[in-house]
């Protein structure tokens, strides 16, 4: 079946080809190169076969192809093939994917990586007169790779194509010819064209007549400020010794506690490996074993000290807040429990003897049983995707008619779930148990979501901010280590400003926040930076720079330091 496994659905390697997926005859064809990489434990004197070649990273494959050793006659024969391979590898390098291996499974690629591979394939097609629509292609990209991507987009434009990009990245916006700014706010406050025109005209106009928030930041009339002073007090360190996994080899890394710490570096430099597999996995295991009074085994590190200063570790990633459509911001933050309590305490509900469960769409009693509280009914379509139709009994309201007769301040339970977070904050303003949760959701820039919005419809960034908000209203959250992976994905300047304020507030409470980030508005606000690099893949995995933003900006050999120096310099001139 060509998968290199024993059977179609097995993960066990095929005992005959050992996972190489080809017959022995095909593996006996070798190519030699002046810059041949050692594959496996020893260097093959015959050269590389097709499996060895696809095991190379894109950067190494390009070096191999550039110095391939062929006789004059074979060179003439191979010239068109080598040219095609060389062009395609160059396109992948230009969009910042030099660290990927050629045999990487498509299922393991991130959304941003997949998008850039499709972009590279379009570059190779040489099409003209096409319209390309891209949705935030710079997600997960370091500024250096970002510059490469912008050059790629400009190349596509120069070929005679039109590029339409949805983007928050400043450099990409500055590279545009024409700007369409939609707003002014989000949700019900948005949906209108606030400003439109040639970018140069909008930036050089005497005044921002459109009152566009985006233009205010682009024209540098507004900016995300630097902190008045960086935290310098010593509150202990997490000291990792001998971290070895993927491209990290025997690295010693110190993370200061009680500070906002940014982990930076180009794509594939080892940031996620350190955050997820080294820091989170070991500290979570140690805290778990401490609660059971047992000893945990360290993974991928020689030693880890300083975890005694931490009471809990929270990983706030972009995974969904719930796996079913029943989960929503109100249920996740716990606000819905108190809302149901309020409805069950009304005189109407007490007269009927109804408890809070009556106002839940998850249990039988008050929900519409025709759709079991979903508001829609799934219609199986055999070979087509399932179709969801609005329940004709409750008309999508999820509750029985009798349940909806109970009102609180003129609103029934369905009306409350249809409120935006902003409206609900005013409606429940005098009930702290609910208002506190809504204020924190509002503060993370999610005021446009409805309380009952299905968790499956939230983007990764929205889900992450709901998780941050649910931590923010906790009365006691000292000595917590918060780990975040690119929380600014998909955020406008104004939302980034709000996010920085929230992260700083979490640190002020006595916590430590460690965040992987490419956004320099967040990086310049950090107390401490750990910069991985210098490149991605096997040329990464080392600490290139560490210290305050000012110290990192002066470090030679750090791509982050170079761009950070420009960001700090620009701030100093205002």
Protein backbone atom coordinates (compact mmCIF):
# COMPACT_ATOMS: atom_id res chain seq x y z
CA UNK A 1 0.00 0.00 0.00
CA UNK A 2 3.08 2.26 -0.09
CA UNK A 3 2.81 3.69 3.44
CA UNK A 4 5.84 1.92 4.91
CA UNK A 5 3.71 0.28 7.61
CA UNK A 6 2.68 -3.35 8.19
CA UNK A 7 -0.96 -2.69 7.29
CA UNK A 8 -3.10 0.21 6.15
CA UNK A 9 -4.06 1.39 9.65
CA UNK A 10 -0.98 0.16 11.53
CA UNK A 11 1.85 2.34 12.85
CA UNK A 12 4.32 -0.56 12.98
CA UNK A 13 7.09 -0.26 10.37
CA UNK A 14 7.02 -2.71 7.50
CA UNK A 15 9.62 -5.44 8.32
CA UNK A 16 10.65 -5.79 4.64
CA UNK A 17 11.37 -2.16 3.60
CA UNK A 18 11.80 -0.83 7.20
CA UNK A 19 9.47 2.09 6.50
CA UNK A 20 11.31 3.21 3.34
CA UNK A 21 8.28 2.36 1.12
CA UNK A 22 10.39 1.33 -1.91
CA UNK A 23 11.82 -1.92 -3.29
CA UNK A 24 15.56 -2.61 -2.75
CA UNK A 25 16.27 -2.04 -6.48
CA UNK A 26 14.98 1.56 -6.27
CA UNK A 27 17.17 2.20 -3.22
CA UNK A 28 20.33 1.17 -5.09
CA UNK A 29 20.34 4.35 -7.23
CA UNK A 30 22.67 6.95 -5.68
CA UNK A 31 23.58 10.60 -6.33
CA UNK A 32 26.80 12.21 -5.15
CA UNK A 33 27.31 15.84 -4.20
CA UNK A 34 30.17 18.05 -3.06
CA UNK A 35 28.11 19.06 -0.01
CA UNK A 36 26.76 15.65 0.92
CA UNK A 37 25.34 15.35 4.42
CA UNK A 38 26.05 12.37 6.61
CA UNK A 39 22.85 10.30 6.73
CA UNK A 40 22.46 7.93 9.64
CA UNK A 41 25.51 6.92 11.61
CA UNK A 42 28.04 7.05 8.76
CA UNK A 43 28.54 8.85 5.51
CA UNK A 44 27.56 6.74 2.49
CA UNK A 45 30.48 6.79 0.05
CA UNK A 46 28.15 5.93 -2.83
CA UNK A 47 26.06 9.06 -2.25
CA UNK A 48 22.40 9.46 -1.30
CA UNK A 49 19.49 7.37 -2.50
CA UNK A 50 15.99 8.84 -2.89
CA UNK A 51 15.00 8.06 0.72
CA UNK A 52 18.20 9.65 2.08
CA UNK A 53 17.55 12.72 -0.07
CA UNK A 54 13.97 13.19 1.17
CA UNK A 55 15.24 12.91 4.77
CA UNK A 56 17.18 16.16 4.22
CA UNK A 57 15.86 19.54 5.27
CA UNK A 58 14.93 21.91 2.43
CA UNK A 59 18.05 24.00 3.14
CA UNK A 60 20.34 20.93 3.01
CA UNK A 61 18.59 19.60 -0.10
CA UNK A 62 19.23 22.93 -1.87
CA UNK A 63 22.95 22.77 -0.96
CA UNK A 64 23.07 19.15 -2.20
CA UNK A 65 21.43 19.99 -5.55
CA UNK A 66 23.65 23.07 -6.04
CA UNK A 67 26.81 20.97 -5.79
CA UNK A 68 25.64 17.73 -7.40
CA UNK A 69 28.46 15.75 -9.07
CA UNK A 70 27.65 14.65 -12.62
CA UNK A 71 29.68 14.03 -15.77
CA UNK A 72 29.28 16.58 -18.59
CA UNK A 73 26.96 14.30 -20.54
CA UNK A 74 24.78 13.54 -17.49
CA UNK A 75 24.68 17.25 -16.64
CA UNK A 76 23.16 18.01 -20.05
CA UNK A 77 20.57 15.26 -19.61
CA UNK A 78 19.72 16.23 -16.02
CA UNK A 79 19.77 20.03 -16.55
CA UNK A 80 15.97 20.56 -16.94
CA UNK A 81 15.19 18.24 -13.99
CA UNK A 82 17.82 19.82 -11.72
CA UNK A 83 16.55 23.28 -12.69
CA UNK A 84 12.95 22.36 -11.73
CA UNK A 85 14.05 20.87 -8.38
CA UNK A 86 16.30 23.86 -7.69
CA UNK A 87 13.49 26.35 -8.46
CA UNK A 88 11.01 24.59 -6.19
CA UNK A 89 13.48 24.37 -3.32
CA UNK A 90 14.30 28.08 -3.77
CA UNK A 91 10.59 28.98 -3.56
CA UNK A 92 10.25 27.00 -0.31
CA UNK A 93 13.35 28.74 1.07
CA UNK A 94 11.91 32.14 0.14
CA UNK A 95 8.77 31.57 2.21
CA UNK A 96 10.81 30.63 5.32
CA UNK A 97 10.39 26.83 5.28
CA UNK A 98 14.09 25.92 5.17
CA UNK A 99 13.83 23.82 8.37
CA UNK A 100 11.19 21.35 7.08
CA UNK A 101 12.32 17.95 5.78
CA UNK A 102 11.17 16.95 2.31
CA UNK A 103 9.44 13.80 3.63
CA UNK A 104 7.48 15.63 6.35
CA UNK A 105 3.89 14.37 6.51
CA UNK A 106 1.35 16.98 5.35
CA UNK A 107 -0.84 16.14 8.37
CA UNK A 108 1.86 17.39 10.77
CA UNK A 109 2.19 20.84 9.16
CA UNK A 110 0.71 23.89 10.87
CA UNK A 111 -1.89 25.99 9.03
CA UNK A 112 0.71 28.69 8.33
CA UNK A 113 3.21 26.17 6.93
CA UNK A 114 0.58 24.61 4.64
CA UNK A 115 -0.43 28.03 3.39
CA UNK A 116 3.18 28.96 2.59
CA UNK A 117 3.78 25.66 0.75
CA UNK A 118 0.75 26.39 -1.44
CA UNK A 119 2.14 29.90 -1.98
CA UNK A 120 5.52 28.46 -3.03
CA UNK A 121 3.81 26.13 -5.52
CA UNK A 122 2.01 29.15 -7.03
CA UNK A 123 5.33 30.95 -7.46
CA UNK A 124 6.57 28.02 -9.50
CA UNK A 125 3.48 27.96 -11.71
CA UNK A 126 4.34 31.36 -13.26
CA UNK A 127 0.67 32.29 -13.59
CA UNK A 128 -0.29 35.87 -14.47
CA UNK A 129 -3.59 37.70 -14.12
CA UNK A 130 -4.62 35.58 -11.11
CA UNK A 131 -6.21 36.79 -7.87
CA UNK A 132 -4.60 35.36 -4.73
CA UNK A 133 -6.49 35.61 -1.43
CA UNK A 134 -4.43 35.01 1.72
CA UNK A 135 -5.63 34.98 5.32
CA UNK A 136 -2.86 36.09 7.70
CA UNK A 137 0.08 34.32 5.99
CA UNK A 138 2.55 35.75 8.56
CA UNK A 139 1.09 33.70 11.45
CA UNK A 140 3.93 32.01 13.35
CA UNK A 141 6.64 33.78 11.36
CA UNK A 142 9.68 35.54 12.77
CA UNK A 143 10.28 39.01 11.34
CA UNK A 144 13.22 37.74 9.29
CA UNK A 145 11.05 35.06 7.60
CA UNK A 146 8.32 37.68 7.32
CA UNK A 147 10.60 39.83 5.13
CA UNK A 148 11.18 36.82 2.87
CA UNK A 149 7.43 36.21 2.61
CA UNK A 150 6.76 39.85 1.71
CA UNK A 151 9.38 39.62 -1.08
CA UNK A 152 7.57 36.50 -2.35
CA UNK A 153 4.21 38.31 -2.40
CA UNK A 154 5.77 41.27 -4.21
CA UNK A 155 7.28 38.88 -6.77
CA UNK A 156 3.81 37.41 -7.39
CA UNK A 157 2.47 40.94 -7.81
CA UNK A 158 5.21 41.87 -10.29
CA UNK A 159 4.28 38.82 -12.39
CA UNK A 160 0.97 40.61 -13.05
CA UNK A 161 -1.21 39.12 -10.29
CA UNK A 162 -3.47 40.71 -7.68
CA UNK A 163 -2.81 39.83 -4.04
CA UNK A 164 -5.58 40.31 -1.47
CA UNK A 165 -4.27 39.80 2.07
CA UNK A 166 -6.11 39.87 5.41
CA UNK A 167 -3.33 40.91 7.78
CA UNK A 168 -2.45 42.59 11.07
CA UNK A 169 1.32 42.52 10.57
CA UNK A 170 2.73 46.03 10.30
CA UNK A 171 5.45 45.35 7.74
CA UNK A 172 3.04 43.51 5.44
CA UNK A 173 0.57 46.42 5.63
CA UNK A 174 3.38 48.92 4.85
CA UNK A 175 4.28 46.81 1.78
CA UNK A 176 0.73 47.09 0.41
CA UNK A 177 -0.37 49.51 -2.30
CA UNK A 178 -4.00 49.85 -1.25
CA UNK A 179 -5.62 49.59 2.18
CA UNK A 180 -9.18 48.67 3.19
CA UNK A 181 -9.76 49.07 6.94
CA UNK A 182 -12.90 47.41 8.32
CA UNK A 183 -14.31 48.27 11.73
CA UNK A 184 -14.42 50.38 13.78
CA UNK A 185 -14.86 47.65 16.43
CA UNK A 186 -15.57 43.92 16.42
CA UNK A 187 -18.84 42.01 16.16
CA UNK A 188 -21.91 44.28 16.20
CA UNK A 189 -19.56 47.31 16.38
CA UNK A 190 -17.83 46.35 13.13
CA UNK A 191 -18.72 45.42 9.59
CA UNK A 192 -18.23 48.88 8.09
CA UNK A 193 -15.46 50.21 5.85
CA UNK A 194 -13.74 52.82 8.04
CA UNK A 195 -10.95 53.84 5.68
CA UNK A 196 -10.03 52.96 2.13
CA UNK A 197 -7.46 54.37 -0.28
CA UNK A 198 -3.90 54.23 -1.57
CA UNK A 199 -1.68 53.55 1.42
CA UNK A 200 0.79 56.38 0.69
CA UNK A 201 -2.06 58.90 0.53
CA UNK A 202 -3.55 57.69 3.82
CA UNK A 203 -0.17 57.78 5.60
CA UNK A 204 0.90 61.20 4.31
CA UNK A 205 -2.48 62.95 4.77
CA UNK A 206 -2.33 65.86 7.23
CA UNK A 207 -4.96 64.29 9.45
CA UNK A 208 -6.48 60.88 10.07
CA UNK A 209 -9.91 62.10 8.94
CA UNK A 210 -11.35 58.58 8.97
CA UNK A 211 -10.73 58.18 12.73
CA UNK A 212 -9.31 54.76 11.88
CA UNK A 213 -7.62 53.02 14.80
CA UNK A 214 -5.44 51.04 12.37
CA UNK A 215 -4.28 54.22 10.62
CA UNK A 216 -3.56 55.89 13.96
CA UNK A 217 -1.03 53.14 14.73
CA UNK A 218 0.38 53.07 11.18
CA UNK A 219 0.82 56.86 11.23
CA UNK A 220 2.47 56.45 14.67
CA UNK A 221 -0.07 58.75 16.30
CA UNK A 222 -0.77 55.91 18.73
CA UNK A 223 1.58 53.20 19.95
CA UNK A 224 1.80 50.37 22.43
CA UNK A 225 3.95 51.89 25.18
CA UNK A 226 7.04 50.46 26.83
CA UNK A 227 6.75 49.68 30.57
CA UNK A 228 7.93 52.54 32.81
CA UNK A 229 10.48 50.17 34.33
CA UNK A 230 11.35 46.52 33.97
CA UNK A 231 11.04 44.14 36.92
CA UNK A 232 14.50 43.60 38.35
CA UNK A 233 13.78 41.98 41.75
CA UNK A 234 14.97 38.40 42.19
CA UNK A 235 12.16 35.91 42.87
CA UNK A 236 14.04 32.75 42.01
CA UNK A 237 14.83 30.89 38.80
CA UNK A 238 13.78 27.70 37.07
CA UNK A 239 17.11 26.21 36.02
CA UNK A 240 17.04 23.60 33.27
CA UNK A 241 20.27 21.70 32.71
CA UNK A 242 21.14 19.41 29.79
CA UNK A 243 17.93 19.88 27.77
CA UNK A 244 18.15 17.48 24.82
CA UNK A 245 15.29 16.88 22.39
CA UNK A 246 14.92 17.37 18.61
CA UNK A 247 17.36 20.19 17.76
CA UNK A 248 18.06 21.10 21.42
CA UNK A 249 21.32 19.43 22.43
CA UNK A 250 22.57 19.67 26.03
CA UNK A 251 21.24 23.21 26.54
CA UNK A 252 21.29 25.01 29.91
CA UNK A 253 18.37 27.43 30.15
CA UNK A 254 17.38 29.69 33.07
CA UNK A 255 13.86 31.13 33.36
CA UNK A 256 13.40 33.97 35.91
CA UNK A 257 10.29 33.78 38.11
CA UNK A 258 7.88 36.64 38.83
CA UNK A 259 8.50 38.21 35.41
CA UNK A 260 7.08 38.42 31.88
CA UNK A 261 9.42 36.19 29.87
CA UNK A 262 9.40 36.04 26.05
CA UNK A 263 10.79 33.08 24.11
CA UNK A 264 11.80 34.25 20.64
CA UNK A 265 13.59 32.93 17.57
CA UNK A 266 13.06 32.06 13.92
CA UNK A 267 10.63 29.29 12.90
CA UNK A 268 11.90 25.83 13.84
CA UNK A 269 14.58 27.11 16.25
CA UNK A 270 13.34 25.02 19.23
CA UNK A 271 10.95 27.40 21.03
CA UNK A 272 7.93 25.06 21.12
CA UNK A 273 10.11 22.07 22.01
CA UNK A 274 11.40 23.95 25.06
CA UNK A 275 8.01 25.32 26.15
CA UNK A 276 5.89 22.17 25.70
CA UNK A 277 8.23 19.18 25.99
CA UNK A 278 10.84 20.50 28.42
CA UNK A 279 9.27 23.15 30.65
CA UNK A 280 5.59 22.20 30.78
CA UNK A 281 5.92 18.43 30.73
CA UNK A 282 8.55 18.24 33.49
CA UNK A 283 7.07 20.87 35.82
CA UNK A 284 3.52 19.48 35.42
CA UNK A 285 4.80 15.96 36.16
CA UNK A 286 6.73 17.19 39.20
CA UNK A 287 3.75 19.11 40.64
CA UNK A 288 1.48 16.12 40.00
CA UNK A 289 3.86 13.73 41.76
CA UNK A 290 4.31 16.20 44.65
CA UNK A 291 0.55 16.11 45.26
CA UNK A 292 0.79 12.30 45.36
CA UNK A 293 4.01 12.42 47.39
CA UNK A 294 5.87 10.39 44.80
CA UNK A 295 8.97 11.04 42.72
CA UNK A 296 8.59 12.09 39.08
CA UNK A 297 11.04 11.07 36.38
CA UNK A 298 12.57 13.94 34.42
CA UNK A 299 12.20 13.78 30.64
CA UNK A 300 14.77 15.09 28.12
CA UNK A 301 16.73 17.01 30.82
CA UNK A 302 19.58 16.15 33.17
CA UNK A 303 18.18 18.31 36.00
CA UNK A 304 15.49 20.90 36.71
CA UNK A 305 15.50 23.08 39.82
CA UNK A 306 13.29 25.91 41.05
CA UNK A 307 9.92 24.17 40.62
CA UNK A 308 9.45 24.39 44.40
CA UNK A 309 8.65 28.10 43.94
CA UNK A 310 5.63 27.21 41.76
CA UNK A 311 2.24 26.02 43.03
CA UNK A 312 0.63 25.32 39.63
CA UNK A 313 1.45 25.40 35.94
CA UNK A 314 -1.14 26.41 33.30
CA UNK A 315 -0.62 25.87 29.57
CA UNK A 316 -2.83 28.30 27.65
CA UNK A 317 -2.71 27.09 24.05
CA UNK A 318 -5.02 27.53 21.07
CA UNK A 319 -6.87 24.23 21.40
CA UNK A 320 -10.70 24.49 21.51
CA UNK A 321 -12.32 25.31 24.88
CA UNK A 322 -14.76 22.46 24.29
CA UNK A 323 -15.13 19.57 21.89
CA UNK A 324 -18.90 19.80 21.50
CA UNK A 325 -21.18 22.63 20.32
CA UNK A 326 -22.67 22.64 23.85
CA UNK A 327 -19.60 24.31 25.31
CA UNK A 328 -19.54 28.13 25.13
CA UNK A 329 -17.82 31.11 26.84
CA UNK A 330 -20.52 31.18 29.55
CA UNK A 331 -20.10 27.50 30.47
CA UNK A 332 -16.29 27.54 30.21
CA UNK A 333 -15.82 30.50 32.54
CA UNK A 334 -18.46 29.22 34.98
CA UNK A 335 -20.71 32.26 34.50
CA UNK A 336 -23.59 30.06 33.28
CA UNK A 337 -23.78 28.23 36.62
CA UNK A 338 -24.49 31.52 38.41
CA UNK A 339 -26.91 32.65 35.68
CA UNK A 340 -28.91 29.42 36.15
CA UNK A 341 -28.89 29.99 39.91
CA UNK A 342 -30.35 33.46 39.32
CA UNK A 343 -33.18 32.12 37.16
CA UNK A 344 -34.00 29.33 39.65
CA UNK A 345 -34.19 31.96 42.43
CA UNK A 346 -36.92 33.98 40.64
CA UNK A 347 -40.41 33.84 42.20
CA UNK A 348 -41.83 32.17 39.07
CA UNK A 349 -39.24 29.35 39.14
CA UNK A 350 -39.62 28.86 42.92
CA UNK A 351 -43.43 28.65 42.57
CA UNK A 352 -42.97 25.87 40.03
CA UNK A 353 -40.33 24.16 42.16
CA UNK A 354 -37.65 24.42 39.48
CA UNK A 355 -33.97 24.00 40.34
CA UNK A 356 -30.95 25.33 38.35
CA UNK A 357 -30.91 22.13 36.27
CA UNK A 358 -34.17 23.21 34.65
CA UNK A 359 -32.26 26.01 32.89
CA UNK A 360 -29.51 23.76 31.51
CA UNK A 361 -29.51 22.56 27.89
CA UNK A 362 -27.29 19.62 28.86
CA UNK A 363 -29.74 17.66 31.04
CA UNK A 364 -33.35 16.63 30.52
CA UNK A 365 -35.98 18.72 32.25
CA UNK A 366 -36.09 22.21 30.83
CA UNK A 367 -34.40 21.72 27.47
CA UNK A 368 -36.16 20.95 24.21
CA UNK A 369 -36.13 17.16 23.96
CA UNK A 370 -36.73 17.14 20.19
CA UNK A 371 -33.18 18.49 19.61
CA UNK A 372 -31.85 17.58 23.11
CA UNK A 373 -30.94 21.21 23.77
CA UNK A 374 -28.79 21.66 20.65
CA UNK A 375 -31.15 24.05 18.89
CA UNK A 376 -30.57 22.11 15.66
CA UNK A 377 -31.07 18.57 14.43
CA UNK A 378 -28.35 16.63 12.59
CA UNK A 379 -29.50 15.04 9.32
CA UNK A 380 -27.15 12.27 8.15
CA UNK A 381 -26.49 12.49 4.41
CA UNK A 382 -24.67 9.15 3.92
CA UNK A 383 -21.79 10.08 1.57
CA UNK A 384 -22.14 13.84 2.09
CA UNK A 385 -21.30 15.93 5.20
CA UNK A 386 -23.95 15.99 7.95
CA UNK A 387 -26.47 18.81 7.52
CA UNK A 388 -27.76 20.69 10.58
CA UNK A 389 -31.30 22.10 10.39
CA UNK A 390 -32.92 24.39 12.97
CA UNK A 391 -35.22 22.48 15.33
CA UNK A 392 -38.81 23.26 14.33
CA UNK A 393 -40.15 22.59 17.85
CA UNK A 394 -38.06 25.15 19.83
CA UNK A 395 -37.10 27.18 16.70
CA UNK A 396 -33.43 27.01 17.71
CA UNK A 397 -34.00 28.33 21.24
CA UNK A 398 -32.85 25.05 22.88
CA UNK A 399 -35.40 25.19 25.72
CA UNK A 400 -39.05 24.18 26.22
CA UNK A 401 -41.72 26.86 25.91
CA UNK A 402 -42.48 26.61 29.67
CA UNK A 403 -38.82 27.18 30.60
CA UNK A 404 -38.72 30.34 28.47
CA UNK A 405 -41.72 31.76 30.38
CA UNK A 406 -39.43 32.43 33.38
CA UNK A 407 -37.71 35.80 33.02
CA UNK A 408 -35.07 37.73 34.93
CA UNK A 409 -35.29 41.51 34.42
CA UNK A 410 -37.46 40.93 31.36
CA UNK A 411 -35.10 38.43 29.69
CA UNK A 412 -35.53 34.65 29.48
CA UNK A 413 -32.61 32.20 29.49
CA UNK A 414 -32.42 32.15 25.66
CA UNK A 415 -32.31 35.96 25.50
CA UNK A 416 -29.41 35.97 27.98
CA UNK A 417 -27.41 33.46 25.92
CA UNK A 418 -27.94 35.64 22.83
CA UNK A 419 -26.44 38.71 24.57
CA UNK A 420 -22.95 39.83 23.64
CA UNK A 421 -20.42 39.79 26.49
CA UNK A 422 -20.46 43.59 26.45
CA UNK A 423 -24.28 43.71 26.88
CA UNK A 424 -24.23 40.98 29.53
CA UNK A 425 -21.59 42.84 31.56
CA UNK A 426 -23.98 45.82 31.90
CA UNK A 427 -27.02 43.55 32.48
CA UNK A 428 -25.34 41.59 35.33
CA UNK A 429 -23.21 44.52 36.56
CA UNK A 430 -24.49 44.28 40.15
CA UNK A 431 -23.89 40.52 40.50
CA UNK A 432 -20.12 40.09 41.17
CA UNK A 433 -19.99 36.31 40.56
CA UNK A 434 -21.09 36.86 36.96
CA UNK A 435 -19.80 40.41 36.32
CA UNK A 436 -16.19 39.53 37.34
CA UNK A 437 -16.04 36.79 34.70
CA UNK A 438 -17.57 39.02 32.03
CA UNK A 439 -15.25 41.95 32.84
CA UNK A 440 -12.22 39.69 32.30
CA UNK A 441 -13.64 38.39 28.98
CA UNK A 442 -14.28 42.00 27.96
CA UNK A 443 -10.74 43.00 28.91
CA UNK A 444 -9.26 40.39 26.54
CA UNK A 445 -11.10 42.01 23.60
CA UNK A 446 -13.89 39.42 23.31
CA UNK A 447 -16.78 41.83 23.96
CA UNK A 448 -18.34 40.91 20.58
CA UNK A 449 -18.88 37.18 21.34
CA UNK A 450 -22.30 36.05 22.53
CA UNK A 451 -22.54 34.16 25.84
CA UNK A 452 -24.01 31.13 24.09
CA UNK A 453 -21.66 31.08 21.09
CA UNK A 454 -20.64 27.50 20.37
CA UNK A 455 -17.04 26.70 21.31
CA UNK A 456 -16.53 24.97 17.97
CA UNK A 457 -17.05 28.29 16.13
CA UNK A 458 -14.31 30.13 18.05
CA UNK A 459 -10.92 30.66 16.38
CA UNK A 460 -7.76 29.39 18.09
CA UNK A 461 -6.89 32.95 19.22
CA UNK A 462 -10.39 33.51 20.65
CA UNK A 463 -10.28 30.18 22.52
CA UNK A 464 -6.88 31.13 23.96
CA UNK A 465 -8.19 34.50 25.18
CA UNK A 466 -11.22 32.84 26.81
CA UNK A 467 -8.73 30.66 28.74
CA UNK A 468 -6.68 33.73 29.76
CA UNK A 469 -9.88 35.45 30.94
CA UNK A 470 -10.91 32.41 33.01
CA UNK A 471 -7.58 32.67 34.85
CA UNK A 472 -7.82 36.41 35.30
CA UNK A 473 -10.84 36.45 37.63
CA UNK A 474 -9.43 33.77 39.96
CA UNK A 475 -9.27 35.36 43.43
CA UNK A 476 -5.97 33.65 44.33
CA UNK A 477 -3.55 32.80 41.56
CA UNK A 478 -0.15 33.47 43.08
CA UNK A 479 2.92 31.38 42.24
CA UNK A 480 1.36 30.17 38.98
CA UNK A 481 3.48 29.57 35.90
CA UNK A 482 1.49 30.54 32.77
CA UNK A 483 2.76 29.22 29.44
CA UNK A 484 1.37 30.79 26.26
CA UNK A 485 2.08 30.08 22.60
CA UNK A 486 1.70 33.13 20.33
CA UNK A 487 -1.36 34.73 21.97
CA UNK A 488 -1.24 37.70 19.55
CA UNK A 489 -2.18 35.55 16.51
CA UNK A 490 -4.95 37.35 14.62
CA UNK A 491 -4.93 40.38 16.94
CA UNK A 492 -5.20 44.05 15.96
CA UNK A 493 -2.90 46.65 17.58
CA UNK A 494 -5.64 47.63 20.04
CA UNK A 495 -6.20 44.01 21.11
CA UNK A 496 -2.42 43.48 21.48
CA UNK A 497 -2.33 46.50 23.81
CA UNK A 498 -5.13 44.95 25.92
CA UNK A 499 -3.35 41.58 25.95
CA UNK A 500 -0.05 43.13 27.13
CA UNK A 501 -1.93 44.84 29.99
CA UNK A 502 -3.51 41.51 31.02
CA UNK A 503 -0.19 39.61 30.92
CA UNK A 504 1.45 42.37 32.99
CA UNK A 505 -1.47 42.23 35.47
CA UNK A 506 -1.00 38.44 35.86
CA UNK A 507 2.69 39.01 36.66
CA UNK A 508 1.80 41.80 39.13
CA UNK A 509 -0.25 39.25 41.08
CA UNK A 510 2.90 37.27 41.80
CA UNK A 511 2.85 34.90 38.83
CA UNK A 512 5.31 34.10 36.04
CA UNK A 513 4.24 34.39 32.40
CA UNK A 514 6.34 32.65 29.73
CA UNK A 515 5.19 33.36 26.18
CA UNK A 516 6.43 32.30 22.73
CA UNK A 517 6.05 35.41 20.60
CA UNK A 518 7.03 37.03 17.30
CA UNK A 519 5.14 40.29 17.88
CA UNK A 520 7.66 42.99 18.82
CA UNK A 521 5.06 45.03 20.71
CA UNK A 522 4.89 42.14 23.20
CA UNK A 523 8.62 41.36 23.06
CA UNK A 524 9.63 44.97 23.86
CA UNK A 525 7.38 44.81 26.97
CA UNK A 526 9.07 41.68 28.35
CA UNK A 527 11.24 41.73 31.47
CA UNK A 528 13.43 38.92 30.13
CA UNK A 529 13.97 37.41 26.67
CA UNK A 530 15.33 33.97 25.77
CA UNK A 531 16.22 33.96 22.07
CA UNK A 532 16.68 30.61 20.31
CA UNK A 533 18.53 30.20 17.03
CA UNK A 534 20.50 31.14 15.11
CA UNK A 535 18.50 29.34 12.39
CA UNK A 536 15.71 26.75 12.26
CA UNK A 537 16.01 22.95 12.24
CA UNK A 538 19.39 21.41 12.94
CA UNK A 539 21.12 24.80 12.70
CA UNK A 540 18.98 26.03 15.63
CA UNK A 541 18.40 24.81 19.16
CA UNK A 542 20.94 27.03 20.93
CA UNK A 543 20.46 30.15 23.07
CA UNK A 544 21.73 33.07 20.98
CA UNK A 545 20.75 35.88 23.34
CA UNK A 546 19.16 36.38 26.76
CA UNK A 547 18.40 39.26 29.09
CA UNK A 548 16.29 42.42 28.96
CA UNK A 549 15.08 43.70 25.54
CA UNK A 550 17.80 46.38 25.67
CA UNK A 551 20.50 43.73 26.26
CA UNK A 552 19.20 41.41 23.52
CA UNK A 553 19.02 44.35 21.07
CA UNK A 554 22.81 44.78 21.48
CA UNK A 555 23.62 41.09 20.94
CA UNK A 556 25.43 40.26 17.71
CA UNK A 557 24.22 37.25 15.74
CA UNK A 558 20.62 37.47 16.97
CA UNK A 559 17.98 38.12 14.29
CA UNK A 560 15.52 39.03 17.07
CA UNK A 561 18.07 41.48 18.49
CA UNK A 562 18.43 43.23 15.11
CA UNK A 563 14.69 43.81 14.69
CA UNK A 564 14.22 44.60 18.39
CA UNK A 565 16.88 47.33 18.16
CA UNK A 566 14.83 48.98 15.37
CA UNK A 567 11.61 48.70 17.41
CA UNK A 568 13.22 50.26 20.51
CA UNK A 569 14.88 52.97 18.41
CA UNK A 570 11.56 53.89 16.81
CA UNK A 571 9.94 54.07 20.24
CA UNK A 572 12.75 56.31 21.52
CA UNK A 573 12.11 58.84 18.71
CA UNK A 574 8.50 59.34 19.87
